[in-house]
């Protein structure tokens, strides 16, 4: 009888161990940017106003205050730390009207472990309309270029969530290891949640972003941040320390200079 119990317990332990091993290997898909459906693309027509385009496509994630006549919509899907799908759609305006649609890079499937060979992945990011793509005859480090573009998309998504007062997406941009300066994480979470709830309007724009990668999973992003709400306005230079965790670039620390 005792021997039967021991055998039964051993079988249960072995089965549970296999289950733990199986579930620990699962990783969530990481989606970043503006996903564009064929129906959305079909609704785009030359001559549409900026308001009409925004109604159909949403707000472009990549934008630059110095190039307001170009909007870039970029989307990526990462599975198991590998980018498996990318979309790039660029719109050009003259005044308030859409005059050109460039969807030559949409959609673009990226089979693992392929690496983009075009320098068009280097994209200047800030807040209102997209900057021109920086092209070069050769790319000395295409992997670094891809990482830089992904970091800029992540930072701009953080700013967009802030502007939309989407506290869930905003806080999701921070790593679990993030600890704010001068206060506990619990106090910081409470402060941020209250600010989102109390503000009637928030607008955050980013300019002059410079990304520097230390290695494959650590980088810094420095930029000028303009913050406006119904009760406060300031312009600061901010530096974010980011870490790539489960395929996403998350904020681990931030420093602000007036």
C-alpha atoms as a PDB file:
ATOM      1  CA  UNK A   1       0.000   0.000   0.000  1.00  0.00           C
ATOM      2  CA  UNK A   2       2.747   2.406   0.983  1.00  0.00           C
ATOM      3  CA  UNK A   3       4.681   1.548  -2.192  1.00  0.00           C
ATOM      4  CA  UNK A   4       1.602   2.332  -4.329  1.00  0.00           C
ATOM      5  CA  UNK A   5       1.253   5.757  -2.674  1.00  0.00           C
ATOM      6  CA  UNK A   6       4.920   6.543  -3.343  1.00  0.00           C
ATOM      7  CA  UNK A   7       4.570   5.601  -7.005  1.00  0.00           C
ATOM      8  CA  UNK A   8       1.390   7.699  -7.319  1.00  0.00           C
ATOM      9  CA  UNK A   9       3.030  10.760  -5.717  1.00  0.00           C
ATOM     10  CA  UNK A  10       6.062  10.384  -8.002  1.00  0.00           C
ATOM     11  CA  UNK A  11       3.823  10.347 -11.070  1.00  0.00           C
ATOM     12  CA  UNK A  12       1.956  13.477  -9.925  1.00  0.00           C
ATOM     13  CA  UNK A  13       5.231  15.352  -9.291  1.00  0.00           C
ATOM     14  CA  UNK A  14       6.577  14.367 -12.729  1.00  0.00           C
ATOM     15  CA  UNK A  15       3.390  15.510 -14.479  1.00  0.00           C
ATOM     16  CA  UNK A  16       3.332  18.845 -12.627  1.00  0.00           C
ATOM     17  CA  UNK A  17       6.983  19.458 -13.429  1.00  0.00           C
ATOM     18  CA  UNK A  18       6.237  18.964 -17.107  1.00  0.00           C
ATOM     19  CA  UNK A  19       3.339  21.415 -16.879  1.00  0.00           C
ATOM     20  CA  UNK A  20       5.512  24.110 -15.264  1.00  0.00           C
ATOM     21  CA  UNK A  21       8.158  23.634 -17.933  1.00  0.00           C
ATOM     22  CA  UNK A  22       5.538  23.889 -20.676  1.00  0.00           C
ATOM     23  CA  UNK A  23       3.851  27.061 -19.392  1.00  0.00           C
ATOM     24  CA  UNK A  24       7.091  28.860 -18.479  1.00  0.00           C
ATOM     25  CA  UNK A  25       8.144  28.756 -22.135  1.00  0.00           C
ATOM     26  CA  UNK A  26       5.109  30.772 -23.280  1.00  0.00           C
ATOM     27  CA  UNK A  27       5.702  34.411 -24.212  1.00  0.00           C
ATOM     28  CA  UNK A  28       3.117  37.037 -25.097  1.00  0.00           C
ATOM     29  CA  UNK A  29       3.004  38.590 -28.567  1.00  0.00           C
ATOM     30  CA  UNK A  30       4.266  42.198 -28.512  1.00  0.00           C
ATOM     31  CA  UNK A  31       2.354  44.597 -30.779  1.00  0.00           C
ATOM     32  CA  UNK A  32       3.547  48.192 -31.213  1.00  0.00           C
ATOM     33  CA  UNK A  33       2.381  51.088 -33.364  1.00  0.00           C
ATOM     34  CA  UNK A  34      -0.614  51.699 -35.641  1.00  0.00           C
ATOM     35  CA  UNK A  35      -2.102  48.498 -37.096  1.00  0.00           C
ATOM     36  CA  UNK A  36      -3.600  49.220 -40.530  1.00  0.00           C
ATOM     37  CA  UNK A  37      -6.334  46.996 -41.947  1.00  0.00           C
ATOM     38  CA  UNK A  38      -7.062  46.725 -45.702  1.00  0.00           C
ATOM     39  CA  UNK A  39     -10.404  48.438 -45.058  1.00  0.00           C
ATOM     40  CA  UNK A  40      -8.651  51.443 -43.493  1.00  0.00           C
ATOM     41  CA  UNK A  41      -6.233  51.672 -46.431  1.00  0.00           C
ATOM     42  CA  UNK A  42      -9.103  51.527 -48.961  1.00  0.00           C
ATOM     43  CA  UNK A  43     -10.823  54.483 -47.293  1.00  0.00           C
ATOM     44  CA  UNK A  44      -7.789  56.745 -47.800  1.00  0.00           C
ATOM     45  CA  UNK A  45      -8.312  59.109 -50.741  1.00  0.00           C
ATOM     46  CA  UNK A  46      -6.173  61.935 -52.098  1.00  0.00           C
ATOM     47  CA  UNK A  47      -7.639  65.308 -51.244  1.00  0.00           C
ATOM     48  CA  UNK A  48      -8.910  64.239 -47.809  1.00  0.00           C
ATOM     49  CA  UNK A  49      -8.385  66.746 -44.995  1.00  0.00           C
ATOM     50  CA  UNK A  50      -6.111  66.002 -42.054  1.00  0.00           C
ATOM     51  CA  UNK A  51      -9.171  65.600 -39.840  1.00  0.00           C
ATOM     52  CA  UNK A  52     -10.692  63.068 -42.225  1.00  0.00           C
ATOM     53  CA  UNK A  53      -7.413  61.115 -42.398  1.00  0.00           C
ATOM     54  CA  UNK A  54      -7.123  61.092 -38.618  1.00  0.00           C
ATOM     55  CA  UNK A  55     -10.710  59.831 -38.365  1.00  0.00           C
ATOM     56  CA  UNK A  56      -9.915  56.892 -40.679  1.00  0.00           C
ATOM     57  CA  UNK A  57      -6.361  56.084 -39.570  1.00  0.00           C
ATOM     58  CA  UNK A  58      -6.057  57.443 -36.055  1.00  0.00           C
ATOM     59  CA  UNK A  59      -3.180  59.597 -34.807  1.00  0.00           C
ATOM     60  CA  UNK A  60       0.209  58.691 -36.327  1.00  0.00           C
ATOM     61  CA  UNK A  61       2.522  57.250 -33.702  1.00  0.00           C
ATOM     62  CA  UNK A  62       5.681  58.725 -35.262  1.00  0.00           C
ATOM     63  CA  UNK A  63       5.649  62.462 -35.760  1.00  0.00           C
ATOM     64  CA  UNK A  64       7.864  65.530 -35.754  1.00  0.00           C
ATOM     65  CA  UNK A  65       6.941  69.151 -35.099  1.00  0.00           C
ATOM     66  CA  UNK A  66       9.418  70.322 -37.766  1.00  0.00           C
ATOM     67  CA  UNK A  67       7.892  68.247 -40.595  1.00  0.00           C
ATOM     68  CA  UNK A  68       4.166  68.696 -40.193  1.00  0.00           C
ATOM     69  CA  UNK A  69       3.344  67.687 -43.771  1.00  0.00           C
ATOM     70  CA  UNK A  70       4.402  64.054 -43.347  1.00  0.00           C
ATOM     71  CA  UNK A  71       2.721  61.405 -41.213  1.00  0.00           C
ATOM     72  CA  UNK A  72       4.222  57.931 -40.702  1.00  0.00           C
ATOM     73  CA  UNK A  73       2.129  55.004 -39.507  1.00  0.00           C
ATOM     74  CA  UNK A  74       4.355  52.138 -38.333  1.00  0.00           C
ATOM     75  CA  UNK A  75       3.330  48.799 -36.826  1.00  0.00           C
ATOM     76  CA  UNK A  76       5.316  45.761 -35.709  1.00  0.00           C
ATOM     77  CA  UNK A  77       4.435  42.347 -34.272  1.00  0.00           C
ATOM     78  CA  UNK A  78       7.035  40.436 -32.253  1.00  0.00           C
ATOM     79  CA  UNK A  79       6.690  36.773 -31.320  1.00  0.00           C
ATOM     80  CA  UNK A  80       9.233  35.055 -29.080  1.00  0.00           C
ATOM     81  CA  UNK A  81      11.487  38.161 -29.190  1.00  0.00           C
ATOM     82  CA  UNK A  82      11.517  38.137 -33.034  1.00  0.00           C
ATOM     83  CA  UNK A  83       9.752  40.683 -35.264  1.00  0.00           C
ATOM     84  CA  UNK A  84       7.534  38.672 -37.641  1.00  0.00           C
ATOM     85  CA  UNK A  85       5.477  41.458 -39.228  1.00  0.00           C
ATOM     86  CA  UNK A  86       5.964  45.137 -40.056  1.00  0.00           C
ATOM     87  CA  UNK A  87       3.793  47.778 -41.686  1.00  0.00           C
ATOM     88  CA  UNK A  88       4.950  51.208 -42.852  1.00  0.00           C
ATOM     89  CA  UNK A  89       2.531  53.713 -44.405  1.00  0.00           C
ATOM     90  CA  UNK A  90       3.622  57.305 -45.115  1.00  0.00           C
ATOM     91  CA  UNK A  91       1.194  60.133 -45.921  1.00  0.00           C
ATOM     92  CA  UNK A  92       2.128  63.546 -47.364  1.00  0.00           C
ATOM     93  CA  UNK A  93       0.075  66.740 -47.103  1.00  0.00           C
ATOM     94  CA  UNK A  94       0.050  70.132 -48.770  1.00  0.00           C
ATOM     95  CA  UNK A  95      -1.723  72.531 -46.473  1.00  0.00           C
ATOM     96  CA  UNK A  96      -4.703  70.627 -45.095  1.00  0.00           C
ATOM     97  CA  UNK A  97      -5.056  68.135 -47.959  1.00  0.00           C
ATOM     98  CA  UNK A  98      -3.616  64.662 -48.514  1.00  0.00           C
ATOM     99  CA  UNK A  99      -1.546  64.721 -51.727  1.00  0.00           C
ATOM    100  CA  UNK A 100       0.486  61.504 -51.686  1.00  0.00           C
ATOM    101  CA  UNK A 101       0.206  57.999 -50.204  1.00  0.00           C
ATOM    102  CA  UNK A 102       3.327  55.837 -49.964  1.00  0.00           C
ATOM    103  CA  UNK A 103       2.511  52.272 -48.936  1.00  0.00           C
ATOM    104  CA  UNK A 104       5.382  50.571 -50.763  1.00  0.00           C
ATOM    105  CA  UNK A 105       6.565  49.097 -47.468  1.00  0.00           C
ATOM    106  CA  UNK A 106       3.165  47.853 -46.270  1.00  0.00           C
ATOM    107  CA  UNK A 107       2.773  45.134 -45.300  1.00  0.00           C
ATOM    108  CA  UNK A 108       6.223  43.694 -44.908  1.00  0.00           C
ATOM    109  CA  UNK A 109       6.657  40.250 -43.389  1.00  0.00           C
ATOM    110  CA  UNK A 110       9.964  39.702 -41.664  1.00  0.00           C
ATOM    111  CA  UNK A 111      10.917  35.988 -41.508  1.00  0.00           C
ATOM    112  CA  UNK A 112      13.143  35.097 -38.586  1.00  0.00           C
ATOM    113  CA  UNK A 113      15.950  35.851 -38.268  1.00  0.00           C
ATOM    114  CA  UNK A 114      16.039  38.260 -41.217  1.00  0.00           C
ATOM    115  CA  UNK A 115      17.401  41.758 -40.641  1.00  0.00           C
ATOM    116  CA  UNK A 116      16.292  44.894 -42.456  1.00  0.00           C
ATOM    117  CA  UNK A 117      19.020  46.107 -44.820  1.00  0.00           C
ATOM    118  CA  UNK A 118      17.591  49.562 -45.498  1.00  0.00           C
ATOM    119  CA  UNK A 119      18.547  52.637 -43.508  1.00  0.00           C
ATOM    120  CA  UNK A 120      14.969  53.807 -43.847  1.00  0.00           C
ATOM    121  CA  UNK A 121      14.385  52.297 -40.404  1.00  0.00           C
ATOM    122  CA  UNK A 122      16.108  55.348 -38.894  1.00  0.00           C
ATOM    123  CA  UNK A 123      13.196  57.633 -38.137  1.00  0.00           C
ATOM    124  CA  UNK A 124      13.246  60.897 -36.175  1.00  0.00           C
ATOM    125  CA  UNK A 125      10.371  60.938 -33.694  1.00  0.00           C
ATOM    126  CA  UNK A 126       8.528  63.674 -31.837  1.00  0.00           C
ATOM    127  CA  UNK A 127       4.894  64.767 -31.549  1.00  0.00           C
ATOM    128  CA  UNK A 128       2.833  66.102 -34.442  1.00  0.00           C
ATOM    129  CA  UNK A 129       3.982  64.795 -37.876  1.00  0.00           C
ATOM    130  CA  UNK A 130       6.718  62.448 -38.981  1.00  0.00           C
ATOM    131  CA  UNK A 131      10.270  63.426 -39.835  1.00  0.00           C
ATOM    132  CA  UNK A 132      11.886  62.398 -43.110  1.00  0.00           C
ATOM    133  CA  UNK A 133      13.498  58.996 -43.239  1.00  0.00           C
ATOM    134  CA  UNK A 134      17.276  59.242 -43.073  1.00  0.00           C
ATOM    135  CA  UNK A 135      18.778  57.233 -45.931  1.00  0.00           C
ATOM    136  CA  UNK A 136      22.384  56.239 -46.527  1.00  0.00           C
ATOM    137  CA  UNK A 137      24.130  54.199 -49.241  1.00  0.00           C
ATOM    138  CA  UNK A 138      25.157  51.507 -46.777  1.00  0.00           C
ATOM    139  CA  UNK A 139      24.156  50.408 -43.307  1.00  0.00           C
ATOM    140  CA  UNK A 140      27.104  49.475 -41.092  1.00  0.00           C
ATOM    141  CA  UNK A 141      24.945  47.902 -38.390  1.00  0.00           C
ATOM    142  CA  UNK A 142      21.406  47.088 -39.526  1.00  0.00           C
ATOM    143  CA  UNK A 143      20.540  45.336 -36.254  1.00  0.00           C
ATOM    144  CA  UNK A 144      21.363  48.521 -34.350  1.00  0.00           C
ATOM    145  CA  UNK A 145      19.218  50.569 -36.757  1.00  0.00           C
ATOM    146  CA  UNK A 146      16.232  48.282 -36.152  1.00  0.00           C
ATOM    147  CA  UNK A 147      16.685  48.543 -32.376  1.00  0.00           C
ATOM    148  CA  UNK A 148      16.867  52.336 -32.592  1.00  0.00           C
ATOM    149  CA  UNK A 149      13.608  52.523 -34.557  1.00  0.00           C
ATOM    150  CA  UNK A 150      11.887  50.151 -32.108  1.00  0.00           C
ATOM    151  CA  UNK A 151      13.014  52.274 -29.152  1.00  0.00           C
ATOM    152  CA  UNK A 152      11.664  55.429 -30.780  1.00  0.00           C
ATOM    153  CA  UNK A 153       8.315  53.729 -31.423  1.00  0.00           C
ATOM    154  CA  UNK A 154       8.149  52.651 -27.764  1.00  0.00           C
ATOM    155  CA  UNK A 155       8.980  56.121 -26.439  1.00  0.00           C
ATOM    156  CA  UNK A 156       6.458  57.763 -28.752  1.00  0.00           C
ATOM    157  CA  UNK A 157       3.819  55.231 -27.656  1.00  0.00           C
ATOM    158  CA  UNK A 158       4.522  56.210 -24.042  1.00  0.00           C
ATOM    159  CA  UNK A 159       4.037  59.906 -24.903  1.00  0.00           C
ATOM    160  CA  UNK A 160       0.869  59.147 -26.896  1.00  0.00           C
ATOM    161  CA  UNK A 161      -0.644  57.221 -23.965  1.00  0.00           C
ATOM    162  CA  UNK A 162       0.237  60.135 -21.692  1.00  0.00           C
ATOM    163  CA  UNK A 163      -1.491  62.609 -24.027  1.00  0.00           C
ATOM    164  CA  UNK A 164      -4.547  60.338 -24.237  1.00  0.00           C
ATOM    165  CA  UNK A 165      -4.647  60.081 -20.425  1.00  0.00           C
ATOM    166  CA  UNK A 166      -4.541  56.310 -20.846  1.00  0.00           C
ATOM    167  CA  UNK A 167      -3.032  55.425 -17.487  1.00  0.00           C
ATOM    168  CA  UNK A 168      -3.000  51.676 -18.204  1.00  0.00           C
ATOM    169  CA  UNK A 169      -0.891  51.995 -21.373  1.00  0.00           C
ATOM    170  CA  UNK A 170       1.242  54.749 -19.837  1.00  0.00           C
ATOM    171  CA  UNK A 171       2.173  52.677 -16.783  1.00  0.00           C
ATOM    172  CA  UNK A 172       2.723  49.589 -18.970  1.00  0.00           C
ATOM    173  CA  UNK A 173       5.656  51.449 -20.565  1.00  0.00           C
ATOM    174  CA  UNK A 174       7.585  51.166 -17.285  1.00  0.00           C
ATOM    175  CA  UNK A 175       9.558  48.081 -16.274  1.00  0.00           C
ATOM    176  CA  UNK A 176       8.663  46.267 -13.039  1.00  0.00           C
ATOM    177  CA  UNK A 177      12.097  47.318 -11.728  1.00  0.00           C
ATOM    178  CA  UNK A 178      11.387  51.054 -12.240  1.00  0.00           C
ATOM    179  CA  UNK A 179      11.787  53.101  -9.053  1.00  0.00           C
ATOM    180  CA  UNK A 180      11.019  56.851  -9.235  1.00  0.00           C
ATOM    181  CA  UNK A 181      13.456  59.303  -7.674  1.00  0.00           C
ATOM    182  CA  UNK A 182      12.416  60.802  -4.352  1.00  0.00           C
ATOM    183  CA  UNK A 183       9.380  58.626  -3.647  1.00  0.00           C
ATOM    184  CA  UNK A 184       8.238  55.039  -3.370  1.00  0.00           C
ATOM    185  CA  UNK A 185       6.807  53.257  -6.386  1.00  0.00           C
ATOM    186  CA  UNK A 186       3.429  53.002  -4.635  1.00  0.00           C
ATOM    187  CA  UNK A 187       3.355  56.771  -4.033  1.00  0.00           C
ATOM    188  CA  UNK A 188       4.376  57.418  -7.642  1.00  0.00           C
ATOM    189  CA  UNK A 189       1.623  55.143  -8.994  1.00  0.00           C
ATOM    190  CA  UNK A 190      -0.955  56.924  -6.833  1.00  0.00           C
ATOM    191  CA  UNK A 191       0.322  60.342  -7.949  1.00  0.00           C
ATOM    192  CA  UNK A 192       0.236  59.461 -11.656  1.00  0.00           C
ATOM    193  CA  UNK A 193      -3.215  57.892 -11.466  1.00  0.00           C
ATOM    194  CA  UNK A 194      -4.622  60.981  -9.715  1.00  0.00           C
ATOM    195  CA  UNK A 195      -3.044  63.326 -12.258  1.00  0.00           C
ATOM    196  CA  UNK A 196      -4.619  61.432 -15.137  1.00  0.00           C
ATOM    197  CA  UNK A 197      -7.997  61.534 -13.416  1.00  0.00           C
ATOM    198  CA  UNK A 198      -7.868  65.234 -12.475  1.00  0.00           C
ATOM    199  CA  UNK A 199      -6.541  66.700 -15.751  1.00  0.00           C
ATOM    200  CA  UNK A 200      -9.141  67.685 -18.355  1.00  0.00           C
ATOM    201  CA  UNK A 201      -6.551  67.738 -21.148  1.00  0.00           C
ATOM    202  CA  UNK A 202      -2.903  66.682 -21.538  1.00  0.00           C
ATOM    203  CA  UNK A 203      -0.620  67.176 -24.540  1.00  0.00           C
ATOM    204  CA  UNK A 204       2.922  65.802 -24.582  1.00  0.00           C
ATOM    205  CA  UNK A 205       5.212  66.423 -27.546  1.00  0.00           C
ATOM    206  CA  UNK A 206       8.732  65.081 -28.079  1.00  0.00           C
ATOM    207  CA  UNK A 207      11.504  66.551 -30.221  1.00  0.00           C
ATOM    208  CA  UNK A 208      15.209  66.127 -31.014  1.00  0.00           C
ATOM    209  CA  UNK A 209      15.279  62.508 -29.836  1.00  0.00           C
ATOM    210  CA  UNK A 210      18.681  60.824 -29.713  1.00  0.00           C
ATOM    211  CA  UNK A 211      18.902  57.083 -29.016  1.00  0.00           C
ATOM    212  CA  UNK A 212      22.086  55.376 -27.851  1.00  0.00           C
ATOM    213  CA  UNK A 213      22.195  51.597 -27.445  1.00  0.00           C
ATOM    214  CA  UNK A 214      24.648  50.191 -24.893  1.00  0.00           C
ATOM    215  CA  UNK A 215      24.019  46.606 -26.015  1.00  0.00           C
ATOM    216  CA  UNK A 216      21.192  44.453 -27.399  1.00  0.00           C
ATOM    217  CA  UNK A 217      18.970  44.996 -24.348  1.00  0.00           C
ATOM    218  CA  UNK A 218      19.984  48.365 -22.842  1.00  0.00           C
ATOM    219  CA  UNK A 219      19.700  51.867 -24.298  1.00  0.00           C
ATOM    220  CA  UNK A 220      19.072  55.548 -23.505  1.00  0.00           C
ATOM    221  CA  UNK A 221      16.714  57.988 -25.208  1.00  0.00           C
ATOM    222  CA  UNK A 222      17.267  61.730 -24.725  1.00  0.00           C
ATOM    223  CA  UNK A 223      14.797  64.331 -26.020  1.00  0.00           C
ATOM    224  CA  UNK A 224      13.088  67.664 -25.417  1.00  0.00           C
ATOM    225  CA  UNK A 225       9.690  67.150 -23.820  1.00  0.00           C
ATOM    226  CA  UNK A 226       6.935  69.767 -23.976  1.00  0.00           C
ATOM    227  CA  UNK A 227       4.132  69.109 -21.482  1.00  0.00           C
ATOM    228  CA  UNK A 228       0.826  70.997 -21.447  1.00  0.00           C
ATOM    229  CA  UNK A 229      -2.280  70.472 -19.377  1.00  0.00           C
ATOM    230  CA  UNK A 230      -5.159  72.679 -18.305  1.00  0.00           C
ATOM    231  CA  UNK A 231      -3.207  73.599 -15.147  1.00  0.00           C
ATOM    232  CA  UNK A 232       0.496  73.345 -16.041  1.00  0.00           C
ATOM    233  CA  UNK A 233       3.000  73.854 -18.881  1.00  0.00           C
ATOM    234  CA  UNK A 234       6.732  73.182 -18.972  1.00  0.00           C
ATOM    235  CA  UNK A 235       9.497  72.241 -21.385  1.00  0.00           C
ATOM    236  CA  UNK A 236      12.313  69.985 -20.176  1.00  0.00           C
ATOM    237  CA  UNK A 237      15.089  67.780 -21.458  1.00  0.00           C
ATOM    238  CA  UNK A 238      14.499  64.196 -20.393  1.00  0.00           C
ATOM    239  CA  UNK A 239      16.632  61.060 -20.507  1.00  0.00           C
ATOM    240  CA  UNK A 240      15.059  57.605 -20.304  1.00  0.00           C
ATOM    241  CA  UNK A 241      17.018  54.465 -19.520  1.00  0.00           C
ATOM    242  CA  UNK A 242      15.352  51.542 -21.300  1.00  0.00           C
ATOM    243  CA  UNK A 243      15.694  47.775 -21.148  1.00  0.00           C
ATOM    244  CA  UNK A 244      14.383  45.214 -23.620  1.00  0.00           C
ATOM    245  CA  UNK A 245      12.187  42.829 -21.649  1.00  0.00           C
ATOM    246  CA  UNK A 246      10.179  40.052 -23.357  1.00  0.00           C
ATOM    247  CA  UNK A 247      10.634  41.803 -26.700  1.00  0.00           C
ATOM    248  CA  UNK A 248       9.476  45.265 -25.533  1.00  0.00           C
ATOM    249  CA  UNK A 249      11.619  48.316 -24.665  1.00  0.00           C
ATOM    250  CA  UNK A 250      10.523  49.433 -21.176  1.00  0.00           C
ATOM    251  CA  UNK A 251      11.572  52.395 -19.035  1.00  0.00           C
ATOM    252  CA  UNK A 252      13.760  51.487 -16.053  1.00  0.00           C
ATOM    253  CA  UNK A 253      14.681  55.045 -14.978  1.00  0.00           C
ATOM    254  CA  UNK A 254      14.180  58.657 -16.043  1.00  0.00           C
ATOM    255  CA  UNK A 255      16.018  61.916 -15.387  1.00  0.00           C
ATOM    256  CA  UNK A 256      14.699  65.410 -16.073  1.00  0.00           C
ATOM    257  CA  UNK A 257      16.636  68.639 -16.631  1.00  0.00           C
ATOM    258  CA  UNK A 258      14.960  72.025 -16.707  1.00  0.00           C
END
